[in-house]
Each structure stands twice: as C-alpha cells, then as structure tokens.
C-alpha cells in the first residue's frame, strides 16, 4: 500500500512540475512596438495560446503561425521559396529554427525572451551561408 501511495505521489508531483514549467513560460500575446535604433520591424501583433503562436507586423511581416511543440511549420521566404520552421521552448526562451526543406541544416535561429524590464527581446543568428552578424530587436508592449 505504501508503494502505491508513493507511486501516486510521484505521478502527482510530476504533473505539478510540468504545470509549473508551463506557467513559467512567458506569454508574448499583445501589440509590441520596436524601441531603440533597430532597423527592422516597428510593430508586432502576437497571439499565443498553449499550442500555437501567431504573429504579424509592420512593415512587411505577413501573418505566420507556429506550433509550439517543435513540429515543422511550412512558410515561404520573401522570394517565394519554401521554408520549414520549428518553434520549441528551451526553459523560458522560445527558439525558432528555420531551414530549407531540401537542406536539413538550419539557416536561422531566433530566440524570443521577455527581459527583466518586460521587453520582448528577439535575437537572430544567421547560420551557414554568407557570414552575418547576429541581429537583436527589442520591443515594448503597447
């Protein structure tokens, strides 16, 4: 009987830990305005639920929806070429990797995090191809 009680306690504790981990993840939902000298996106509108994140922005960010479970999402590059993206949590950071379907090598890695000031910090690393310096964009909630 003690063994069964111990097993049940471990299962309940495990579900509690999963719930706490999910609660620690930030919710990026809202309208975000670019701050600082960055040149890219000036405004983002994000909708996030437990399994997806959708975003669109100004200028020139068409609506995209990502599954947050690490599965692939189809999208296209600005030139119309097909791309695949994967979004998954690494702790409190959302990591999105992008690659061409025919190449299984990632070409971009984006990280999203809410900093201590409540700002959305998006960093982009360019992987493979012509070397480029990473970029960083910062947004505050409207």
Protein backbone atom coordinates (compact mmCIF):
# COMPACT_ATOMS: atom_id res chain seq x y z
CA UNK A 1 0.00 0.00 0.00
CA UNK A 2 2.84 2.38 0.84
CA UNK A 3 4.39 1.64 -2.56
CA UNK A 4 1.15 2.53 -4.37
CA UNK A 5 0.83 5.74 -2.35
CA UNK A 6 4.45 6.62 -3.14
CA UNK A 7 3.88 5.98 -6.88
CA UNK A 8 0.74 8.13 -6.88
CA UNK A 9 2.60 10.91 -5.06
CA UNK A 10 5.38 10.80 -7.67
CA UNK A 11 2.87 10.94 -10.54
CA UNK A 12 1.04 13.90 -8.96
CA UNK A 13 4.36 15.66 -8.29
CA UNK A 14 5.42 15.04 -11.91
CA UNK A 15 2.22 16.59 -13.28
CA UNK A 16 2.66 19.50 -10.89
CA UNK A 17 6.21 20.08 -12.13
CA UNK A 18 5.02 20.04 -15.75
CA UNK A 19 2.32 22.57 -14.85
CA UNK A 20 4.84 24.82 -13.12
CA UNK A 21 7.20 24.67 -16.09
CA UNK A 22 4.39 25.73 -18.41
CA UNK A 23 3.42 28.56 -16.06
CA UNK A 24 6.98 29.87 -16.07
CA UNK A 25 6.88 30.37 -19.84
CA UNK A 26 6.12 33.91 -20.93
CA UNK A 27 3.03 34.83 -22.89
CA UNK A 28 4.05 37.00 -25.83
CA UNK A 29 0.45 37.98 -26.70
CA UNK A 30 -0.18 41.64 -27.39
CA UNK A 31 0.95 44.50 -29.55
CA UNK A 32 4.65 45.30 -29.37
CA UNK A 33 6.38 48.48 -30.55
CA UNK A 34 10.05 48.46 -31.61
CA UNK A 35 12.35 50.56 -29.42
CA UNK A 36 15.86 51.80 -29.97
CA UNK A 37 17.83 52.28 -33.19
CA UNK A 38 16.88 48.91 -34.74
CA UNK A 39 16.02 48.97 -38.42
CA UNK A 40 13.64 46.02 -38.78
CA UNK A 41 10.12 45.51 -37.53
CA UNK A 42 8.42 48.51 -35.97
CA UNK A 43 5.24 46.85 -34.65
CA UNK A 44 4.27 43.24 -33.94
CA UNK A 45 0.89 41.79 -33.04
CA UNK A 46 1.20 38.40 -31.37
CA UNK A 47 -1.47 35.92 -30.31
CA UNK A 48 -0.35 32.95 -28.26
CA UNK A 49 -2.27 30.05 -26.76
CA UNK A 50 -0.98 26.84 -25.25
CA UNK A 51 -0.05 25.23 -28.56
CA UNK A 52 0.47 27.99 -31.16
CA UNK A 53 1.89 31.45 -31.63
CA UNK A 54 0.69 33.74 -34.45
CA UNK A 55 2.33 36.99 -35.41
CA UNK A 56 2.11 39.73 -37.98
CA UNK A 57 3.76 43.10 -38.11
CA UNK A 58 4.63 46.35 -39.77
CA UNK A 59 6.32 46.80 -42.11
CA UNK A 60 6.08 43.71 -44.29
CA UNK A 61 5.62 40.87 -41.80
CA UNK A 62 2.93 38.60 -43.18
CA UNK A 63 0.93 36.55 -40.73
CA UNK A 64 2.72 33.42 -39.55
CA UNK A 65 1.51 30.76 -37.13
CA UNK A 66 3.94 28.42 -35.41
CA UNK A 67 3.19 25.24 -33.49
CA UNK A 68 5.00 25.42 -30.14
CA UNK A 69 5.67 21.69 -29.84
CA UNK A 70 8.77 21.55 -32.05
CA UNK A 71 6.93 20.20 -35.09
CA UNK A 72 7.53 21.75 -38.50
CA UNK A 73 5.52 24.68 -39.82
CA UNK A 74 5.56 25.43 -43.54
CA UNK A 75 6.25 29.00 -44.62
CA UNK A 76 7.94 30.78 -47.51
CA UNK A 77 10.90 33.09 -47.91
CA UNK A 78 10.41 36.62 -49.28
CA UNK A 79 11.40 35.29 -52.72
CA UNK A 80 8.70 32.60 -52.51
CA UNK A 81 10.99 29.64 -51.82
CA UNK A 82 9.55 27.15 -49.32
CA UNK A 83 10.92 27.11 -45.78
CA UNK A 84 10.28 24.99 -42.72
CA UNK A 85 10.33 26.37 -39.19
CA UNK A 86 10.28 24.70 -35.78
CA UNK A 87 9.35 26.51 -32.59
CA UNK A 88 10.03 24.98 -29.19
CA UNK A 89 10.63 26.09 -25.63
CA UNK A 90 14.05 25.99 -24.00
CA UNK A 91 13.10 26.96 -20.47
CA UNK A 92 11.62 30.47 -20.64
CA UNK A 93 13.04 31.10 -24.11
CA UNK A 94 11.15 30.39 -27.34
CA UNK A 95 13.56 29.14 -30.00
CA UNK A 96 12.57 29.15 -33.68
CA UNK A 97 14.83 27.46 -36.21
CA UNK A 98 14.34 27.85 -39.97
CA UNK A 99 15.68 25.72 -42.83
CA UNK A 100 15.05 24.94 -46.48
CA UNK A 101 13.21 21.59 -46.93
CA UNK A 102 15.90 20.12 -49.18
CA UNK A 103 18.65 21.06 -46.70
CA UNK A 104 18.19 19.74 -43.21
CA UNK A 105 20.68 22.33 -41.93
CA UNK A 106 19.24 25.31 -40.08
CA UNK A 107 19.85 28.68 -41.73
CA UNK A 108 18.45 30.88 -38.95
CA UNK A 109 17.96 30.57 -35.21
CA UNK A 110 15.69 33.09 -33.50
CA UNK A 111 15.31 33.37 -29.74
CA UNK A 112 12.48 35.21 -28.02
CA UNK A 113 12.58 36.13 -24.36
CA UNK A 114 10.95 38.67 -22.04
CA UNK A 115 13.71 40.54 -20.20
CA UNK A 116 13.67 41.88 -16.64
CA UNK A 117 12.12 45.16 -17.88
CA UNK A 118 9.20 43.31 -19.53
CA UNK A 119 10.52 43.92 -23.03
CA UNK A 120 10.44 41.34 -25.82
CA UNK A 121 13.98 40.66 -26.99
CA UNK A 122 14.31 38.86 -30.33
CA UNK A 123 17.76 37.75 -31.40
CA UNK A 124 18.54 36.23 -34.78
CA UNK A 125 21.60 34.16 -35.59
CA UNK A 126 22.39 33.54 -39.26
CA UNK A 127 23.73 30.02 -39.70
CA UNK A 128 25.55 28.73 -42.76
CA UNK A 129 25.94 30.64 -45.99
CA UNK A 130 27.45 34.10 -46.08
CA UNK A 131 28.57 35.09 -42.57
CA UNK A 132 26.40 37.78 -40.96
CA UNK A 133 26.48 39.32 -37.53
CA UNK A 134 23.59 38.34 -35.25
CA UNK A 135 20.78 40.87 -35.00
CA UNK A 136 18.79 41.95 -31.98
CA UNK A 137 15.43 43.68 -31.86
CA UNK A 138 13.73 44.97 -28.72
CA UNK A 139 10.02 45.70 -28.30
CA UNK A 140 7.89 47.13 -25.52
CA UNK A 141 4.23 46.29 -25.02
CA UNK A 142 1.79 48.90 -26.20
